[in-house]
Amino acid sequence: MPDTVVKARQQIRELLVDVFGGPSFVDGVHDAVSLREAGLPSTALVALLVAMEDAFGFEWDDDVPPEALRSIESLAGHVAALRD
């Protein structure tokens, strides 16, 4: 697995900790699990996406495929693809 994806996953996990005010949600979520199925509310997803823009220095395109927003793993893959 590329180092960029590993680093992005870790940073996304840290951002989720900030969004939730602690590690309780993040500790129980595997990287490949759907964030929606794990219980992430849509408002928290929006907060995460905004935090990711700030942390990674990009803006989300309007045509981002929904599967890119599905899990920590897919979000990290999207970030890595933007950096390549």
PDB file of N, CA and C in Angstrom:
ATOM      1  N   MET A   1       0.849  -1.185   0.000  1.00  0.00           N
ATOM      2  CA  MET A   1       0.000   0.000   0.000  1.00  0.00           C
ATOM      3  C   MET A   1       0.890   1.243   0.000  1.00  0.00           C
ATOM      4  N   PRO A   2       0.599   2.182  -0.884  1.00  0.00           N
ATOM      5  CA  PRO A   2       1.427   3.396  -0.944  1.00  0.00           C
ATOM      6  C   PRO A   2       1.429   4.155   0.382  1.00  0.00           C
ATOM      7  N   ASP A   3       2.578   4.723   0.683  1.00  0.00           N
ATOM      8  CA  ASP A   3       2.755   5.491   1.912  1.00  0.00           C
ATOM      9  C   ASP A   3       1.772   6.657   1.994  1.00  0.00           C
ATOM     10  N   THR A   4       1.425   7.251   0.853  1.00  0.00           N
ATOM     11  CA  THR A   4       0.490   8.375   0.821  1.00  0.00           C
ATOM     12  C   THR A   4      -0.872   7.961   1.361  1.00  0.00           C
ATOM     13  N   VAL A   5      -1.326   6.768   1.002  1.00  0.00           N
ATOM     14  CA  VAL A   5      -2.624   6.283   1.475  1.00  0.00           C
ATOM     15  C   VAL A   5      -2.580   6.033   2.978  1.00  0.00           C
ATOM     16  N   VAL A   6      -1.504   5.430   3.450  1.00  0.00           N
ATOM     17  CA  VAL A   6      -1.362   5.140   4.879  1.00  0.00           C
ATOM     18  C   VAL A   6      -1.389   6.438   5.689  1.00  0.00           C
ATOM     19  N   LYS A   7      -0.640   7.424   5.240  1.00  0.00           N
ATOM     20  CA  LYS A   7      -0.605   8.718   5.945  1.00  0.00           C
ATOM     21  C   LYS A   7      -1.959   9.409   5.887  1.00  0.00           C
ATOM     22  N   ALA A   8      -2.612   9.361   4.741  1.00  0.00           N
ATOM     23  CA  ALA A   8      -3.930   9.996   4.594  1.00  0.00           C
ATOM     24  C   ALA A   8      -4.942   9.322   5.516  1.00  0.00           C
ATOM     25  N   ARG A   9      -4.915   7.986   5.586  1.00  0.00           N
ATOM     26  CA  ARG A   9      -5.836   7.279   6.481  1.00  0.00           C
ATOM     27  C   ARG A   9      -5.647   7.708   7.921  1.00  0.00           C
ATOM     28  N   GLN A  10      -4.395   7.805   8.352  1.00  0.00           N
ATOM     29  CA  GLN A  10      -4.124   8.211   9.724  1.00  0.00           C
ATOM     30  C   GLN A  10      -4.613   9.635   9.979  1.00  0.00           C
ATOM     31  N   GLN A  11      -4.386  10.511   9.033  1.00  0.00           N
ATOM     32  CA  GLN A  11      -4.817  11.899   9.212  1.00  0.00           C
ATOM     33  C   GLN A  11      -6.344  12.001   9.217  1.00  0.00           C
ATOM     34  N   ILE A  12      -7.013  11.211   8.390  1.00  0.00           N
ATOM     35  CA  ILE A  12      -8.479  11.204   8.379  1.00  0.00           C
ATOM     36  C   ILE A  12      -9.007  10.709   9.718  1.00  0.00           C
ATOM     37  N   ARG A  13      -8.378   9.690  10.269  1.00  0.00           N
ATOM     38  CA  ARG A  13      -8.771   9.203  11.594  1.00  0.00           C
ATOM     39  C   ARG A  13      -8.610  10.307  12.646  1.00  0.00           C
ATOM     40  N   GLU A  14      -7.514  11.052  12.564  1.00  0.00           N
ATOM     41  CA  GLU A  14      -7.295  12.161  13.505  1.00  0.00           C
ATOM     42  C   GLU A  14      -8.360  13.236  13.335  1.00  0.00           C
ATOM     43  N   LEU A  15      -8.738  13.513  12.095  1.00  0.00           N
ATOM     44  CA  LEU A  15      -9.789  14.501  11.848  1.00  0.00           C
ATOM     45  C   LEU A  15     -11.126  14.027  12.407  1.00  0.00           C
ATOM     46  N   LEU A  16     -11.404  12.740  12.269  1.00  0.00           N
ATOM     47  CA  LEU A  16     -12.637  12.192  12.841  1.00  0.00           C
ATOM     48  C   LEU A  16     -12.652  12.319  14.363  1.00  0.00           C
ATOM     49  N   VAL A  17     -11.507  12.123  14.984  1.00  0.00           N
ATOM     50  CA  VAL A  17     -11.415  12.308  16.437  1.00  0.00           C
ATOM     51  C   VAL A  17     -11.770  13.753  16.781  1.00  0.00           C
ATOM     52  N   ASP A  18     -11.269  14.703  16.000  1.00  0.00           N
ATOM     53  CA  ASP A  18     -11.594  16.112  16.234  1.00  0.00           C
ATOM     54  C   ASP A  18     -13.082  16.392  16.027  1.00  0.00           C
ATOM     55  N   VAL A  19     -13.653  15.811  14.978  1.00  0.00           N
ATOM     56  CA  VAL A  19     -15.078  16.020  14.672  1.00  0.00           C
ATOM     57  C   VAL A  19     -15.950  15.499  15.811  1.00  0.00           C
ATOM     58  N   PHE A  20     -15.573  14.351  16.377  1.00  0.00           N
ATOM     59  CA  PHE A  20     -16.368  13.736  17.436  1.00  0.00           C
ATOM     60  C   PHE A  20     -15.927  14.142  18.840  1.00  0.00           C
ATOM     61  N   GLY A  21     -14.846  14.911  18.959  1.00  0.00           N
ATOM     62  CA  GLY A  21     -14.395  15.349  20.265  1.00  0.00           C
ATOM     63  C   GLY A  21     -13.772  14.236  21.092  1.00  0.00           C
ATOM     64  N   GLY A  22     -13.317  13.193  20.441  1.00  0.00           N
ATOM     65  CA  GLY A  22     -12.674  12.085  21.139  1.00  0.00           C
ATOM     66  C   GLY A  22     -12.608  10.856  20.262  1.00  0.00           C
ATOM     67  N   PRO A  23     -11.860   9.850  20.700  1.00  0.00           N
ATOM     68  CA  PRO A  23     -11.616   8.671  19.869  1.00  0.00           C
ATOM     69  C   PRO A  23     -12.696   7.591  19.916  1.00  0.00           C
ATOM     70  N   SER A  24     -13.769   7.781  20.675  1.00  0.00           N
ATOM     71  CA  SER A  24     -14.732   6.700  20.876  1.00  0.00           C
ATOM     72  C   SER A  24     -15.320   6.164  19.570  1.00  0.00           C
ATOM     73  N   PHE A  25     -15.703   7.018  18.633  1.00  0.00           N
ATOM     74  CA  PHE A  25     -16.258   6.559  17.360  1.00  0.00           C
ATOM     75  C   PHE A  25     -15.175   5.910  16.505  1.00  0.00           C
ATOM     76  N   VAL A  26     -14.056   6.580  16.372  1.00  0.00           N
ATOM     77  CA  VAL A  26     -12.995   6.154  15.456  1.00  0.00           C
ATOM     78  C   VAL A  26     -12.389   4.819  15.861  1.00  0.00           C
ATOM     79  N   ASP A  27     -12.228   4.598  17.143  1.00  0.00           N
ATOM     80  CA  ASP A  27     -11.608   3.361  17.613  1.00  0.00           C
ATOM     81  C   ASP A  27     -12.387   2.120  17.195  1.00  0.00           C
ATOM     82  N   GLY A  28     -13.688   2.251  17.000  1.00  0.00           N
ATOM     83  CA  GLY A  28     -14.504   1.098  16.655  1.00  0.00           C
ATOM     84  C   GLY A  28     -14.773   0.927  15.174  1.00  0.00           C
ATOM     85  N   VAL A  29     -14.161   1.752  14.325  1.00  0.00           N
ATOM     86  CA  VAL A  29     -14.460   1.718  12.892  1.00  0.00           C
ATOM     87  C   VAL A  29     -13.249   1.223  12.105  1.00  0.00           C
ATOM     88  N   HIS A  30     -13.449   0.135  11.382  1.00  0.00           N
ATOM     89  CA  HIS A  30     -12.409  -0.384  10.498  1.00  0.00           C
ATOM     90  C   HIS A  30     -12.330   0.509   9.263  1.00  0.00           C
ATOM     91  N   ASP A  31     -11.159   0.602   8.668  1.00  0.00           N
ATOM     92  CA  ASP A  31     -10.937   1.495   7.526  1.00  0.00           C
ATOM     93  C   ASP A  31     -11.868   1.240   6.349  1.00  0.00           C
ATOM     94  N   ALA A  32     -12.273   0.002   6.126  1.00  0.00           N
ATOM     95  CA  ALA A  32     -13.079  -0.335   4.952  1.00  0.00           C
ATOM     96  C   ALA A  32     -14.585  -0.290   5.204  1.00  0.00           C
ATOM     97  N   VAL A  33     -14.991  -0.068   6.437  1.00  0.00           N
ATOM     98  CA  VAL A  33     -16.417  -0.060   6.787  1.00  0.00           C
ATOM     99  C   VAL A  33     -17.063   1.247   6.335  1.00  0.00           C
ATOM    100  N   SER A  34     -18.269   1.138   5.839  1.00  0.00           N
ATOM    101  CA  SER A  34     -19.028   2.323   5.453  1.00  0.00           C
ATOM    102  C   SER A  34     -19.221   3.228   6.675  1.00  0.00           C
ATOM    103  N   LEU A  35     -18.860   4.477   6.518  1.00  0.00           N
ATOM    104  CA  LEU A  35     -19.015   5.420   7.633  1.00  0.00           C
ATOM    105  C   LEU A  35     -20.486   5.604   7.988  1.00  0.00           C
ATOM    106  N   ARG A  36     -21.351   5.580   6.995  1.00  0.00           N
ATOM    107  CA  ARG A  36     -22.784   5.703   7.252  1.00  0.00           C
ATOM    108  C   ARG A  36     -23.273   4.514   8.081  1.00  0.00           C
ATOM    109  N   GLU A  37     -22.877   3.310   7.672  1.00  0.00           N
ATOM    110  CA  GLU A  37     -23.288   2.115   8.410  1.00  0.00           C
ATOM    111  C   GLU A  37     -22.692   2.089   9.815  1.00  0.00           C
ATOM    112  N   ALA A  38     -21.533   2.722   9.987  1.00  0.00           N
ATOM    113  CA  ALA A  38     -20.903   2.782  11.306  1.00  0.00           C
ATOM    114  C   ALA A  38     -21.585   3.794  12.215  1.00  0.00           C
ATOM    115  N   GLY A  39     -22.479   4.607  11.632  1.00  0.00           N
ATOM    116  CA  GLY A  39     -23.234   5.558  12.444  1.00  0.00           C
ATOM    117  C   GLY A  39     -22.812   7.004  12.314  1.00  0.00           C
ATOM    118  N   LEU A  40     -22.009   7.323  11.311  1.00  0.00           N
ATOM    119  CA  LEU A  40     -21.584   8.712  11.115  1.00  0.00           C
ATOM    120  C   LEU A  40     -22.765   9.532  10.584  1.00  0.00           C
ATOM    121  N   PRO A  41     -23.229  10.528  11.329  1.00  0.00           N
ATOM    122  CA  PRO A  41     -24.324  11.365  10.841  1.00  0.00           C
ATOM    123  C   PRO A  41     -23.873  12.217   9.651  1.00  0.00           C
ATOM    124  N   SER A  42     -24.812  12.613   8.816  1.00  0.00           N
ATOM    125  CA  SER A  42     -24.464  13.399   7.629  1.00  0.00           C
ATOM    126  C   SER A  42     -23.807  14.724   8.004  1.00  0.00           C
ATOM    127  N   THR A  43     -24.205  15.318   9.121  1.00  0.00           N
ATOM    128  CA  THR A  43     -23.584  16.573   9.541  1.00  0.00           C
ATOM    129  C   THR A  43     -22.113  16.366   9.904  1.00  0.00           C
ATOM    130  N   ALA A  44     -21.813  15.221  10.492  1.00  0.00           N
ATOM    131  CA  ALA A  44     -20.417  14.913  10.827  1.00  0.00           C
ATOM    132  C   ALA A  44     -19.609  14.637   9.564  1.00  0.00           C
ATOM    133  N   LEU A  45     -20.233  14.003   8.562  1.00  0.00           N
ATOM    134  CA  LEU A  45     -19.535  13.774   7.301  1.00  0.00           C
ATOM    135  C   LEU A  45     -19.186  15.105   6.645  1.00  0.00           C
ATOM    136  N   VAL A  46     -20.115  16.029   6.645  1.00  0.00           N
ATOM    137  CA  VAL A  46     -19.843  17.356   6.072  1.00  0.00           C
ATOM    138  C   VAL A  46     -18.698  18.025   6.826  1.00  0.00           C
ATOM    139  N   ALA A  47     -18.724  17.949   8.155  1.00  0.00           N
ATOM    140  CA  ALA A  47     -17.643  18.541   8.955  1.00  0.00           C
ATOM    141  C   ALA A  47     -16.311  17.881   8.625  1.00  0.00           C
ATOM    142  N   LEU A  48     -16.320  16.555   8.435  1.00  0.00           N
ATOM    143  CA  LEU A  48     -15.101  15.834   8.072  1.00  0.00           C
ATOM    144  C   LEU A  48     -14.595  16.285   6.705  1.00  0.00           C
ATOM    145  N   LEU A  49     -15.476  16.404   5.737  1.00  0.00           N
ATOM    146  CA  LEU A  49     -15.071  16.809   4.389  1.00  0.00           C
ATOM    147  C   LEU A  49     -14.471  18.216   4.382  1.00  0.00           C
ATOM    148  N   VAL A  50     -15.049  19.122   5.157  1.00  0.00           N
ATOM    149  CA  VAL A  50     -14.493  20.478   5.266  1.00  0.00           C
ATOM    150  C   VAL A  50     -13.127  20.431   5.947  1.00  0.00           C
ATOM    151  N   ALA A  51     -13.017  19.645   7.004  1.00  0.00           N
ATOM    152  CA  ALA A  51     -11.732  19.508   7.706  1.00  0.00           C
ATOM    153  C   ALA A  51     -10.673  18.910   6.779  1.00  0.00           C
ATOM    154  N   MET A  52     -11.088  17.973   5.923  1.00  0.00           N
ATOM    155  CA  MET A  52     -10.151  17.368   4.975  1.00  0.00           C
ATOM    156  C   MET A  52      -9.668  18.400   3.958  1.00  0.00           C
ATOM    157  N   GLU A  53     -10.553  19.275   3.508  1.00  0.00           N
ATOM    158  CA  GLU A  53     -10.128  20.336   2.582  1.00  0.00           C
ATOM    159  C   GLU A  53      -9.027  21.177   3.206  1.00  0.00           C
ATOM    160  N   ASP A  54      -9.227  21.546   4.458  1.00  0.00           N
ATOM    161  CA  ASP A  54      -8.223  22.362   5.155  1.00  0.00           C
ATOM    162  C   ASP A  54      -6.928  21.593   5.379  1.00  0.00           C
ATOM    163  N   ALA A  55      -7.045  20.347   5.829  1.00  0.00           N
ATOM    164  CA  ALA A  55      -5.864  19.556   6.174  1.00  0.00           C
ATOM    165  C   ALA A  55      -5.043  19.151   4.960  1.00  0.00           C
ATOM    166  N   PHE A  56      -5.718  18.826   3.866  1.00  0.00           N
ATOM    167  CA  PHE A  56      -5.009  18.316   2.691  1.00  0.00           C
ATOM    168  C   PHE A  56      -4.840  19.358   1.593  1.00  0.00           C
ATOM    169  N   GLY A  57      -5.438  20.540   1.750  1.00  0.00           N
ATOM    170  CA  GLY A  57      -5.242  21.625   0.798  1.00  0.00           C
ATOM    171  C   GLY A  57      -5.890  21.421  -0.557  1.00  0.00           C
ATOM    172  N   PHE A  58      -7.118  20.951  -0.571  1.00  0.00           N
ATOM    173  CA  PHE A  58      -7.852  20.818  -1.828  1.00  0.00           C
ATOM    174  C   PHE A  58      -9.317  21.142  -1.582  1.00  0.00           C
ATOM    175  N   GLU A  59     -10.078  21.281  -2.659  1.00  0.00           N
ATOM    176  CA  GLU A  59     -11.521  21.459  -2.563  1.00  0.00           C
ATOM    177  C   GLU A  59     -12.198  20.287  -3.258  1.00  0.00           C
ATOM    178  N   TRP A  60     -13.265  19.801  -2.648  1.00  0.00           N
ATOM    179  CA  TRP A  60     -14.014  18.698  -3.236  1.00  0.00           C
ATOM    180  C   TRP A  60     -14.682  19.166  -4.516  1.00  0.00           C
ATOM    181  N   ASP A  61     -14.594  18.352  -5.562  1.00  0.00           N
ATOM    182  CA  ASP A  61     -15.300  18.619  -6.806  1.00  0.00           C
ATOM    183  C   ASP A  61     -16.764  18.232  -6.637  1.00  0.00           C
ATOM    184  N   ASP A  62     -17.629  18.900  -7.396  1.00  0.00           N
ATOM    185  CA  ASP A  62     -19.053  18.574  -7.350  1.00  0.00           C
ATOM    186  C   ASP A  62     -19.344  17.180  -7.884  1.00  0.00           C
ATOM    187  N   ASP A  63     -18.453  16.664  -8.720  1.00  0.00           N
ATOM    188  CA  ASP A  63     -18.710  15.371  -9.353  1.00  0.00           C
ATOM    189  C   ASP A  63     -17.918  14.214  -8.721  1.00  0.00           C
ATOM    190  N   VAL A  64     -17.565  14.350  -7.457  1.00  0.00           N
ATOM    191  CA  VAL A  64     -16.872  13.256  -6.766  1.00  0.00           C
ATOM    192  C   VAL A  64     -17.833  12.071  -6.668  1.00  0.00           C
ATOM    193  N   PRO A  65     -17.384  10.905  -7.093  1.00  0.00           N
ATOM    194  CA  PRO A  65     -18.273   9.738  -7.008  1.00  0.00           C
ATOM    195  C   PRO A  65     -18.608   9.418  -5.549  1.00  0.00           C
ATOM    196  N   PRO A  66     -19.847   9.068  -5.272  1.00  0.00           N
ATOM    197  CA  PRO A  66     -20.256   8.779  -3.888  1.00  0.00           C
ATOM    198  C   PRO A  66     -19.417   7.700  -3.216  1.00  0.00           C
ATOM    199  N   GLU A  67     -18.909   6.742  -3.997  1.00  0.00           N
ATOM    200  CA  GLU A  67     -18.109   5.673  -3.392  1.00  0.00           C
ATOM    201  C   GLU A  67     -16.788   6.201  -2.822  1.00  0.00           C
ATOM    202  N   ALA A  68     -16.326   7.362  -3.272  1.00  0.00           N
ATOM    203  CA  ALA A  68     -15.101   7.957  -2.724  1.00  0.00           C
ATOM    204  C   ALA A  68     -15.326   8.459  -1.301  1.00  0.00           C
ATOM    205  N   LEU A  69     -16.597   8.673  -0.931  1.00  0.00           N
ATOM    206  CA  LEU A  69     -16.930   9.208   0.386  1.00  0.00           C
ATOM    207  C   LEU A  69     -17.405   8.121   1.348  1.00  0.00           C
ATOM    208  N   ARG A  70     -17.304   6.885   0.949  1.00  0.00           N
ATOM    209  CA  ARG A  70     -17.897   5.770   1.683  1.00  0.00           C
ATOM    210  C   ARG A  70     -17.190   5.428   2.992  1.00  0.00           C
ATOM    211  N   SER A  71     -15.877   5.351   2.982  1.00  0.00           N
ATOM    212  CA  SER A  71     -15.134   4.840   4.139  1.00  0.00           C
ATOM    213  C   SER A  71     -13.832   5.621   4.326  1.00  0.00           C
ATOM    214  N   ILE A  72     -13.167   5.352   5.412  1.00  0.00           N
ATOM    215  CA  ILE A  72     -11.858   5.961   5.650  1.00  0.00           C
ATOM    216  C   ILE A  72     -10.905   5.541   4.530  1.00  0.00           C
ATOM    217  N   GLU A  73     -10.971   4.277   4.152  1.00  0.00           N
ATOM    218  CA  GLU A  73     -10.108   3.751   3.095  1.00  0.00           C
ATOM    219  C   GLU A  73     -10.369   4.453   1.755  1.00  0.00           C
ATOM    220  N   SER A  74     -11.635   4.630   1.388  1.00  0.00           N
ATOM    221  CA  SER A  74     -11.940   5.272   0.104  1.00  0.00           C
ATOM    222  C   SER A  74     -11.593   6.754   0.129  1.00  0.00           C
ATOM    223  N   LEU A  75     -11.790   7.410   1.257  1.00  0.00           N
ATOM    224  CA  LEU A  75     -11.403   8.820   1.380  1.00  0.00           C
ATOM    225  C   LEU A  75      -9.889   8.970   1.232  1.00  0.00           C
ATOM    226  N   ALA A  76      -9.143   8.085   1.879  1.00  0.00           N
ATOM    227  CA  ALA A  76      -7.682   8.134   1.785  1.00  0.00           C
ATOM    228  C   ALA A  76      -7.218   7.861   0.363  1.00  0.00           C
ATOM    229  N   GLY A  77      -7.856   6.935  -0.308  1.00  0.00           N
ATOM    230  CA  GLY A  77      -7.522   6.657  -1.695  1.00  0.00           C
ATOM    231  C   GLY A  77      -7.777   7.855  -2.592  1.00  0.00           C
ATOM    232  N   HIS A  78      -8.850   8.574  -2.331  1.00  0.00           N
ATOM    233  CA  HIS A  78      -9.161   9.777  -3.109  1.00  0.00           C
ATOM    234  C   HIS A  78      -8.085  10.848  -2.882  1.00  0.00           C
ATOM    235  N   VAL A  79      -7.712  11.051  -1.642  1.00  0.00           N
ATOM    236  CA  VAL A  79      -6.671  12.026  -1.332  1.00  0.00           C
ATOM    237  C   VAL A  79      -5.357  11.645  -2.016  1.00  0.00           C
ATOM    238  N   ALA A  80      -4.994  10.379  -1.938  1.00  0.00           N
ATOM    239  CA  ALA A  80      -3.751   9.914  -2.569  1.00  0.00           C
ATOM    240  C   ALA A  80      -3.802  10.120  -4.084  1.00  0.00           C
ATOM    241  N   ALA A  81      -4.948   9.873  -4.704  1.00  0.00           N
ATOM    242  CA  ALA A  81      -5.085  10.061  -6.148  1.00  0.00           C
ATOM    243  C   ALA A  81      -4.925  11.526  -6.537  1.00  0.00           C
ATOM    244  N   LEU A  82      -5.389  12.419  -5.684  1.00  0.00           N
ATOM    245  CA  LEU A  82      -5.245  13.852  -5.945  1.00  0.00           C
ATOM    246  C   LEU A  82      -3.785  14.293  -5.864  1.00  0.00           C
ATOM    247  N   ARG A  83      -3.023  13.611  -5.030  1.00  0.00           N
ATOM    248  CA  ARG A  83      -1.617  13.995  -4.832  1.00  0.00           C
ATOM    249  C   ARG A  83      -0.674  13.384  -5.851  1.00  0.00           C
ATOM    250  N   ASP A  84      -1.126  12.359  -6.562  1.00  0.00           N
ATOM    251  CA  ASP A  84      -0.279  11.695  -7.559  1.00  0.00           C
ATOM    252  C   ASP A  84      -0.252  12.467  -8.867  1.00  0.00           C
TER     253      ASP A  84
END
